[in-house]
Amino acid sequence: MMIDFICPETKSNLSLKEDHYLSEEGLKYPIVNNIPRFVNKNNYALSFGLQWNKFRKTQLDSFTGTTLTRDRLYGICKGNLEIFNEKNVLEIGCGAGRFTEIMLQHHAKVWAVDLSNAVEANYKNFCGNLNYQVLQADLQKLPFKENTFDIVTCIGVIQHTLNPEETIKTLTKYIKPGGLLLIDHYAKDYPYTLSRKICRRILLFLPYRLRFPLSKYMVILMWPLHKVVWKISLRWVKSNRGERVRKFFLRMSPVVDYHTVYSALNNKQLFEWAILDTHDTLTDRYKHLRSVDEIKKVLLDSKMSEASVWNGGNGIEAYALK
């Protein structure tokens, strides 16, 4: 792990002291719980940090016993996870580390970055790996020189930033010539239903520490009904009536339900993922939707020499070369 930090404000070199990094101009960046911190702890990603520390292992393949995360990353990589082998990878929006885990398994050297204190969950999951460094930082003020990394990934994140186009342009700056960008984004058909819009507006009005318990109890109250509707859809599968009932019900309910999408999860896991992603979809400060053409345009405008963009995974996926 030979990539040094620089000051995100002045771009000068940093020197490592006992409990902080110090810039040549005297700016200090603390190291808290073994994690370098380059941002104020109070920022718009507080809710995400809260959720990932509560669900530190929930989406790790090693915990679920599935390949759900591996399969998602496999799709974005066009079926070749070997691209990570011995590569320096910058992972933006690492969360608790569902993708960090897969990249480390494929022998990447990963610098995992998150704006929120989800970095603490990530650190607890992977601190024993020698090919790993986690830090808390803002992607618009990263403590790295440009043109540094072989691969930059940003999965499940860009739609939650203030300006997705500016986010993508910034990500491309940190890729070496010949390097690779792997990203995804919500598509125009993201199920942002009326019930979710109403609940999200209410929750965002409340203090952030109330948002998780309220969204959790919403799931607890409605989950029995979700299970009943799922069983009805299975019983009526031949007539298609069950599927029509289920689709109507899911439009009415704000709860995220993966009974159909993630059949590999058991009942307990489905319930836990419902709590996690219901909170996620109802408390994000920013929620942007884009088309394939819009994502491709910003990649080409960012001087990526080749950009493949398609509908898949969490909406839209992209694989672009610099």
Protein backbone atom coordinates (compact mmCIF):
# COMPACT_ATOMS: atom_id res chain seq x y z
CA MET A 1 0.00 0.00 0.00
CA MET A 2 2.26 2.76 -1.32
CA ILE A 3 -0.14 5.59 -2.20
CA ASP A 4 0.39 8.59 0.09
CA PHE A 5 -2.27 11.01 1.26
CA ILE A 6 -2.15 14.69 0.32
CA CYS A 7 -3.97 17.62 1.86
CA PRO A 8 -7.46 17.76 0.28
CA GLU A 9 -7.51 21.56 0.66
CA THR A 10 -4.04 22.66 -0.46
CA LYS A 11 -2.76 19.50 -2.27
CA SER A 12 0.46 19.68 -0.26
CA ASN A 13 2.15 16.65 1.32
CA LEU A 14 0.95 15.33 4.67
CA SER A 15 3.16 14.10 7.47
CA LEU A 16 1.95 11.40 9.86
CA LYS A 17 1.96 12.33 13.53
CA GLU A 18 0.87 10.24 16.50
CA ASP A 19 -2.89 10.77 16.11
CA HIS A 20 -3.30 12.94 13.03
CA TYR A 21 -1.98 13.96 9.62
CA LEU A 22 -0.46 17.43 9.31
CA SER A 23 -0.19 19.46 6.11
CA GLU A 24 2.71 21.76 5.27
CA GLU A 25 0.36 24.68 5.96
CA GLY A 26 -0.53 23.38 9.42
CA LEU A 27 -3.93 21.83 8.66
CA LYS A 28 -4.70 18.83 10.87
CA TYR A 29 -6.66 15.71 9.95
CA PRO A 30 -7.37 13.42 12.92
CA ILE A 31 -7.03 9.65 13.04
CA VAL A 32 -9.97 8.34 15.05
CA ASN A 33 -10.40 4.62 15.80
CA ASN A 34 -7.49 3.94 13.41
CA ILE A 35 -9.29 5.69 10.53
CA PRO A 36 -8.00 8.93 8.94
CA ARG A 37 -10.78 11.55 8.88
CA PHE A 38 -10.75 14.26 6.21
CA VAL A 39 -14.31 15.55 6.75
CA ASN A 40 -16.51 16.98 9.45
CA LYS A 41 -18.41 14.14 11.14
CA ASN A 42 -21.71 16.03 10.70
CA ASN A 43 -22.72 15.88 7.03
CA TYR A 44 -25.68 14.89 4.87
CA ALA A 45 -24.65 11.21 4.93
CA LEU A 46 -25.36 10.77 8.65
CA SER A 47 -28.32 8.46 8.02
CA PHE A 48 -26.23 6.18 5.82
CA GLY A 49 -23.57 5.94 8.50
CA LEU A 50 -26.18 5.03 11.08
CA GLN A 51 -27.69 2.29 8.94
CA TRP A 52 -24.38 0.65 7.99
CA ASN A 53 -23.17 0.51 11.56
CA LYS A 54 -26.43 -1.19 12.55
CA PHE A 55 -26.23 -3.61 9.59
CA ARG A 56 -22.47 -4.12 9.42
CA LYS A 57 -22.62 -7.64 7.98
CA THR A 58 -26.13 -7.84 6.53
CA GLN A 59 -25.16 -7.59 2.84
CA LEU A 60 -21.80 -9.37 2.95
CA ASP A 61 -21.84 -12.55 0.88
CA SER A 62 -19.74 -14.22 3.57
CA PHE A 63 -22.56 -13.53 6.05
CA THR A 64 -25.61 -14.31 3.87
CA GLY A 65 -24.10 -17.45 2.33
CA THR A 66 -25.14 -16.19 -1.12
CA THR A 67 -23.37 -14.67 -4.13
CA LEU A 68 -25.70 -11.66 -4.47
CA THR A 69 -22.99 -9.02 -4.12
CA ARG A 70 -20.48 -10.98 -6.17
CA ASP A 71 -23.05 -11.37 -8.94
CA ARG A 72 -23.81 -7.65 -8.98
CA LEU A 73 -20.13 -6.70 -9.20
CA TYR A 74 -19.58 -9.47 -11.76
CA GLY A 75 -22.19 -7.85 -14.00
CA ILE A 76 -20.63 -4.39 -13.79
CA CYS A 77 -17.21 -5.94 -14.56
CA LYS A 78 -18.61 -7.57 -17.71
CA GLY A 79 -18.05 -11.01 -16.22
CA ASN A 80 -14.38 -10.63 -15.32
CA LEU A 81 -13.56 -10.14 -11.64
CA GLU A 82 -9.92 -10.94 -12.37
CA ILE A 83 -9.50 -7.30 -13.44
CA PHE A 84 -8.99 -6.51 -9.73
CA ASN A 85 -5.96 -8.78 -9.33
CA GLU A 86 -3.02 -6.76 -7.89
CA LYS A 87 -4.68 -3.48 -8.95
CA ASN A 88 -4.85 -0.29 -6.88
CA VAL A 89 -8.58 0.33 -6.43
CA LEU A 90 -10.29 3.45 -5.11
CA GLU A 91 -13.74 2.53 -3.80
CA ILE A 92 -15.95 5.57 -3.30
CA GLY A 93 -18.99 5.11 -1.05
CA CYS A 94 -17.74 1.88 0.50
CA GLY A 95 -20.45 1.64 3.16
CA ALA A 96 -20.01 -1.44 5.35
CA GLY A 97 -18.06 -3.13 2.59
CA ARG A 98 -20.18 -5.54 0.56
CA PHE A 99 -18.11 -4.74 -2.55
CA THR A 100 -14.90 -4.19 -0.57
CA GLU A 101 -15.09 -7.85 0.43
CA ILE A 102 -15.37 -9.14 -3.14
CA MET A 103 -12.53 -6.96 -4.44
CA LEU A 104 -10.22 -8.02 -1.60
CA GLN A 105 -11.07 -11.65 -2.31
CA HIS A 106 -9.85 -11.06 -5.86
CA HIS A 107 -6.52 -9.66 -4.60
CA ALA A 108 -7.16 -5.96 -5.14
CA LYS A 109 -5.41 -3.31 -3.06
CA VAL A 110 -8.39 -1.30 -1.88
CA TRP A 111 -8.60 2.27 -0.59
CA ALA A 112 -12.18 2.34 0.77
CA VAL A 113 -13.72 5.81 1.16
CA ASP A 114 -17.03 6.97 2.58
CA LEU A 115 -18.41 10.37 3.53
CA SER A 116 -20.20 8.90 6.56
CA ASN A 117 -19.02 7.03 9.62
CA ALA A 118 -19.93 3.81 7.81
CA VAL A 119 -16.13 3.63 7.56
CA GLU A 120 -16.17 2.29 11.12
CA ALA A 121 -18.29 -0.69 10.09
CA ASN A 122 -16.04 -1.20 7.07
CA TYR A 123 -12.94 -1.13 9.26
CA LYS A 124 -14.36 -3.69 11.69
CA ASN A 125 -15.10 -6.00 8.77
CA PHE A 126 -11.71 -5.84 7.02
CA CYS A 127 -9.06 -4.31 9.29
CA GLY A 128 -7.04 -7.52 9.29
CA ASN A 129 -6.39 -7.39 5.53
CA LEU A 130 -2.96 -6.02 4.57
CA ASN A 131 -4.23 -4.86 1.15
CA TYR A 132 -6.74 -2.48 2.67
CA GLN A 133 -6.98 1.13 3.83
CA VAL A 134 -10.19 2.88 4.85
CA LEU A 135 -10.69 6.63 5.28
CA GLN A 136 -13.52 9.10 5.78
CA ALA A 137 -13.49 11.73 3.05
CA ASP A 138 -15.57 13.75 0.61
CA LEU A 139 -15.21 12.60 -3.00
CA GLN A 140 -15.05 16.26 -4.07
CA LYS A 141 -12.00 16.76 -1.80
CA LEU A 142 -10.15 13.48 -1.82
CA PRO A 143 -6.68 13.26 -0.21
CA PHE A 144 -5.12 11.74 -3.32
CA LYS A 145 -3.30 13.01 -6.37
CA GLU A 146 -5.16 12.76 -9.66
CA ASN A 147 -4.32 9.97 -12.16
CA THR A 148 -3.39 7.61 -9.32
CA PHE A 149 -5.60 4.49 -9.36
CA ASP A 150 -5.89 1.57 -11.75
CA ILE A 151 -9.61 1.22 -11.03
CA VAL A 152 -12.18 3.54 -9.46
CA THR A 153 -15.52 2.09 -8.33
CA CYS A 154 -18.64 3.88 -7.12
CA ILE A 155 -21.57 1.51 -6.74
CA GLY A 156 -24.93 2.38 -5.19
CA VAL A 157 -23.81 5.93 -4.45
CA ILE A 158 -23.85 8.45 -7.32
CA GLN A 159 -27.65 8.91 -7.30
CA HIS A 160 -27.38 10.06 -3.67
CA THR A 161 -24.90 12.88 -4.32
CA LEU A 162 -25.77 16.53 -4.91
CA ASN A 163 -24.87 16.50 -8.62
CA PRO A 164 -24.37 13.09 -10.29
CA GLU A 165 -22.72 14.58 -13.38
CA GLU A 166 -20.12 16.43 -11.31
CA THR A 167 -19.60 13.31 -9.21
CA ILE A 168 -18.81 11.20 -12.28
CA LYS A 169 -16.47 13.85 -13.70
CA THR A 170 -14.61 13.96 -10.38
CA LEU A 171 -14.28 10.17 -10.22
CA THR A 172 -12.63 10.07 -13.64
CA LYS A 173 -9.85 12.42 -12.50
CA TYR A 174 -8.38 9.83 -10.14
CA ILE A 175 -8.01 7.09 -12.76
CA LYS A 176 -4.65 6.48 -14.42
CA PRO A 177 -4.59 6.69 -18.23
CA GLY A 178 -5.61 3.23 -19.36
CA GLY A 179 -7.49 2.68 -16.10
CA LEU A 180 -11.08 1.71 -15.50
CA LEU A 181 -14.21 3.26 -13.99
CA LEU A 182 -17.03 1.02 -12.68
CA ILE A 183 -20.26 2.74 -11.64
CA ASP A 184 -24.01 2.37 -11.44
CA HIS A 185 -26.99 4.71 -11.05
CA TYR A 186 -30.74 4.59 -10.51
CA ALA A 187 -32.67 4.45 -13.78
CA LYS A 188 -35.74 6.44 -14.79
CA ASP A 189 -37.98 3.49 -13.89
CA TYR A 190 -36.81 3.36 -10.26
CA PRO A 191 -39.92 2.49 -8.16
CA TYR A 192 -40.28 5.87 -6.49
CA THR A 193 -43.96 5.40 -5.67
CA LEU A 194 -46.35 7.92 -4.17
CA SER A 195 -46.28 6.17 -0.79
CA ARG A 196 -42.48 6.35 -0.70
CA LYS A 197 -42.50 10.00 -1.74
CA ILE A 198 -44.87 10.87 1.11
CA CYS A 199 -42.97 8.87 3.73
CA ARG A 200 -39.62 10.22 2.55
CA ARG A 201 -40.82 13.82 2.77
CA ILE A 202 -42.00 13.24 6.35
CA LEU A 203 -38.86 11.43 7.48
CA LEU A 204 -36.48 14.00 5.98
CA PHE A 205 -38.33 16.69 7.92
CA LEU A 206 -37.51 14.91 11.20
CA PRO A 207 -34.17 14.79 13.10
CA TYR A 208 -31.99 12.11 11.55
CA ARG A 209 -31.89 9.97 14.72
CA LEU A 210 -35.66 9.48 14.51
CA ARG A 211 -35.60 8.33 10.91
CA PHE A 212 -34.21 4.86 11.44
CA PRO A 213 -36.53 3.77 14.29
CA LEU A 214 -39.58 5.10 12.44
CA SER A 215 -38.71 3.37 9.17
CA LYS A 216 -37.88 0.17 11.09
CA TYR A 217 -41.23 0.10 12.90
CA MET A 218 -42.98 0.78 9.61
CA VAL A 219 -41.44 -2.42 8.26
CA ILE A 220 -42.25 -4.37 11.43
CA LEU A 221 -45.90 -3.35 11.22
CA MET A 222 -46.30 -4.06 7.50
CA TRP A 223 -44.10 -7.12 7.07
CA PRO A 224 -46.78 -9.69 8.05
CA LEU A 225 -48.98 -8.31 5.28
CA HIS A 226 -46.06 -8.49 2.82
CA LYS A 227 -45.61 -12.18 3.66
CA VAL A 228 -49.32 -12.86 3.19
CA VAL A 229 -49.37 -11.15 -0.21
CA TRP A 230 -46.27 -13.11 -1.24
CA LYS A 231 -47.93 -16.43 -0.31
CA ILE A 232 -51.07 -15.44 -2.23
CA SER A 233 -48.98 -14.62 -5.31
CA LEU A 234 -47.39 -18.10 -5.12
CA ARG A 235 -50.76 -19.80 -4.75
CA TRP A 236 -52.24 -17.96 -7.72
CA VAL A 237 -49.13 -18.05 -9.87
CA LYS A 238 -50.73 -20.02 -12.72
CA SER A 239 -53.54 -17.52 -13.19
CA ASN A 240 -51.32 -14.43 -12.91
CA ARG A 241 -53.84 -12.97 -10.49
CA GLY A 242 -51.39 -13.27 -7.65
CA GLU A 243 -48.73 -11.27 -9.45
CA ARG A 244 -51.22 -8.52 -10.25
CA VAL A 245 -52.27 -8.36 -6.60
CA ARG A 246 -48.63 -8.27 -5.49
CA LYS A 247 -47.65 -5.50 -7.92
CA PHE A 248 -50.59 -3.39 -6.80
CA PHE A 249 -49.76 -3.97 -3.14
CA LEU A 250 -46.09 -3.04 -3.62
CA ARG A 251 -47.12 0.23 -5.25
CA MET A 252 -49.17 1.04 -2.16
CA SER A 253 -46.59 -0.01 0.44
CA PRO A 254 -43.45 2.09 1.10
CA VAL A 255 -41.60 -1.01 2.33
CA VAL A 256 -38.84 -2.47 0.11
CA ASP A 257 -39.60 -6.15 -0.51
CA TYR A 258 -37.13 -8.60 -2.12
CA HIS A 259 -39.20 -11.81 -2.06
CA THR A 260 -39.10 -12.01 -5.85
CA VAL A 261 -35.72 -10.43 -6.56
CA TYR A 262 -33.55 -12.22 -3.97
CA SER A 263 -35.03 -15.68 -3.57
CA ALA A 264 -31.65 -16.91 -2.23
CA LEU A 265 -32.26 -15.06 1.05
CA ASN A 266 -34.05 -16.79 3.90
CA ASN A 267 -37.03 -15.25 5.72
CA LYS A 268 -34.91 -13.63 8.42
CA GLN A 269 -32.55 -12.12 5.84
CA LEU A 270 -35.43 -10.84 3.70
CA PHE A 271 -36.83 -9.05 6.75
CA GLU A 272 -33.45 -7.53 7.66
CA TRP A 273 -32.82 -6.36 4.07
CA ALA A 274 -36.31 -4.84 4.06
CA ILE A 275 -35.48 -2.77 7.14
CA LEU A 276 -32.10 -1.72 5.75
CA ASP A 277 -33.26 -0.71 2.27
CA THR A 278 -36.56 0.82 3.37
CA HIS A 279 -34.54 3.15 5.59
CA ASP A 280 -32.13 3.71 2.70
CA THR A 281 -34.78 4.64 0.16
CA LEU A 282 -36.85 6.81 2.53
CA THR A 283 -34.06 8.86 4.14
CA ASP A 284 -31.56 9.70 1.38
CA ARG A 285 -31.08 13.46 1.09
CA TYR A 286 -30.68 13.26 -2.70
CA LYS A 287 -32.34 10.80 -5.09
CA HIS A 288 -31.57 11.31 -8.79
CA LEU A 289 -32.74 9.24 -11.76
CA ARG A 290 -30.89 9.11 -15.08
CA SER A 291 -31.11 7.36 -18.46
CA VAL A 292 -28.47 5.27 -20.22
CA ASP A 293 -27.85 8.09 -22.71
CA GLU A 294 -27.39 10.67 -19.95
CA ILE A 295 -24.81 8.55 -18.13
CA LYS A 296 -22.97 7.77 -21.36
CA LYS A 297 -22.86 11.44 -22.34
CA VAL A 298 -21.24 12.54 -19.07
CA LEU A 299 -18.65 9.76 -19.35
CA LEU A 300 -17.68 10.79 -22.87
CA ASP A 301 -17.69 14.46 -21.86
CA SER A 302 -15.26 13.49 -19.09
CA LYS A 303 -12.82 12.29 -21.77
CA MET A 304 -13.26 8.58 -21.12
CA SER A 305 -12.01 6.93 -24.30
CA GLU A 306 -14.55 4.11 -24.23
CA ALA A 307 -17.82 3.83 -22.32
CA SER A 308 -20.21 0.88 -22.17
CA VAL A 309 -23.50 1.75 -20.46
CA TRP A 310 -26.50 -0.53 -20.12
CA ASN A 311 -29.66 -1.24 -18.12
CA GLY A 312 -28.89 -3.75 -15.41
CA GLY A 313 -28.24 -4.41 -11.75
CA ASN A 314 -29.56 -1.56 -9.62
CA GLY A 315 -30.76 0.39 -12.67
CA ILE A 316 -27.93 1.47 -14.98
CA GLU A 317 -24.39 0.09 -15.01
CA ALA A 318 -21.30 1.50 -16.73
CA TYR A 319 -17.80 0.26 -17.57
CA ALA A 320 -15.54 2.99 -18.92
CA LEU A 321 -11.86 3.22 -19.89
CA LYS A 322 -9.69 6.30 -19.57
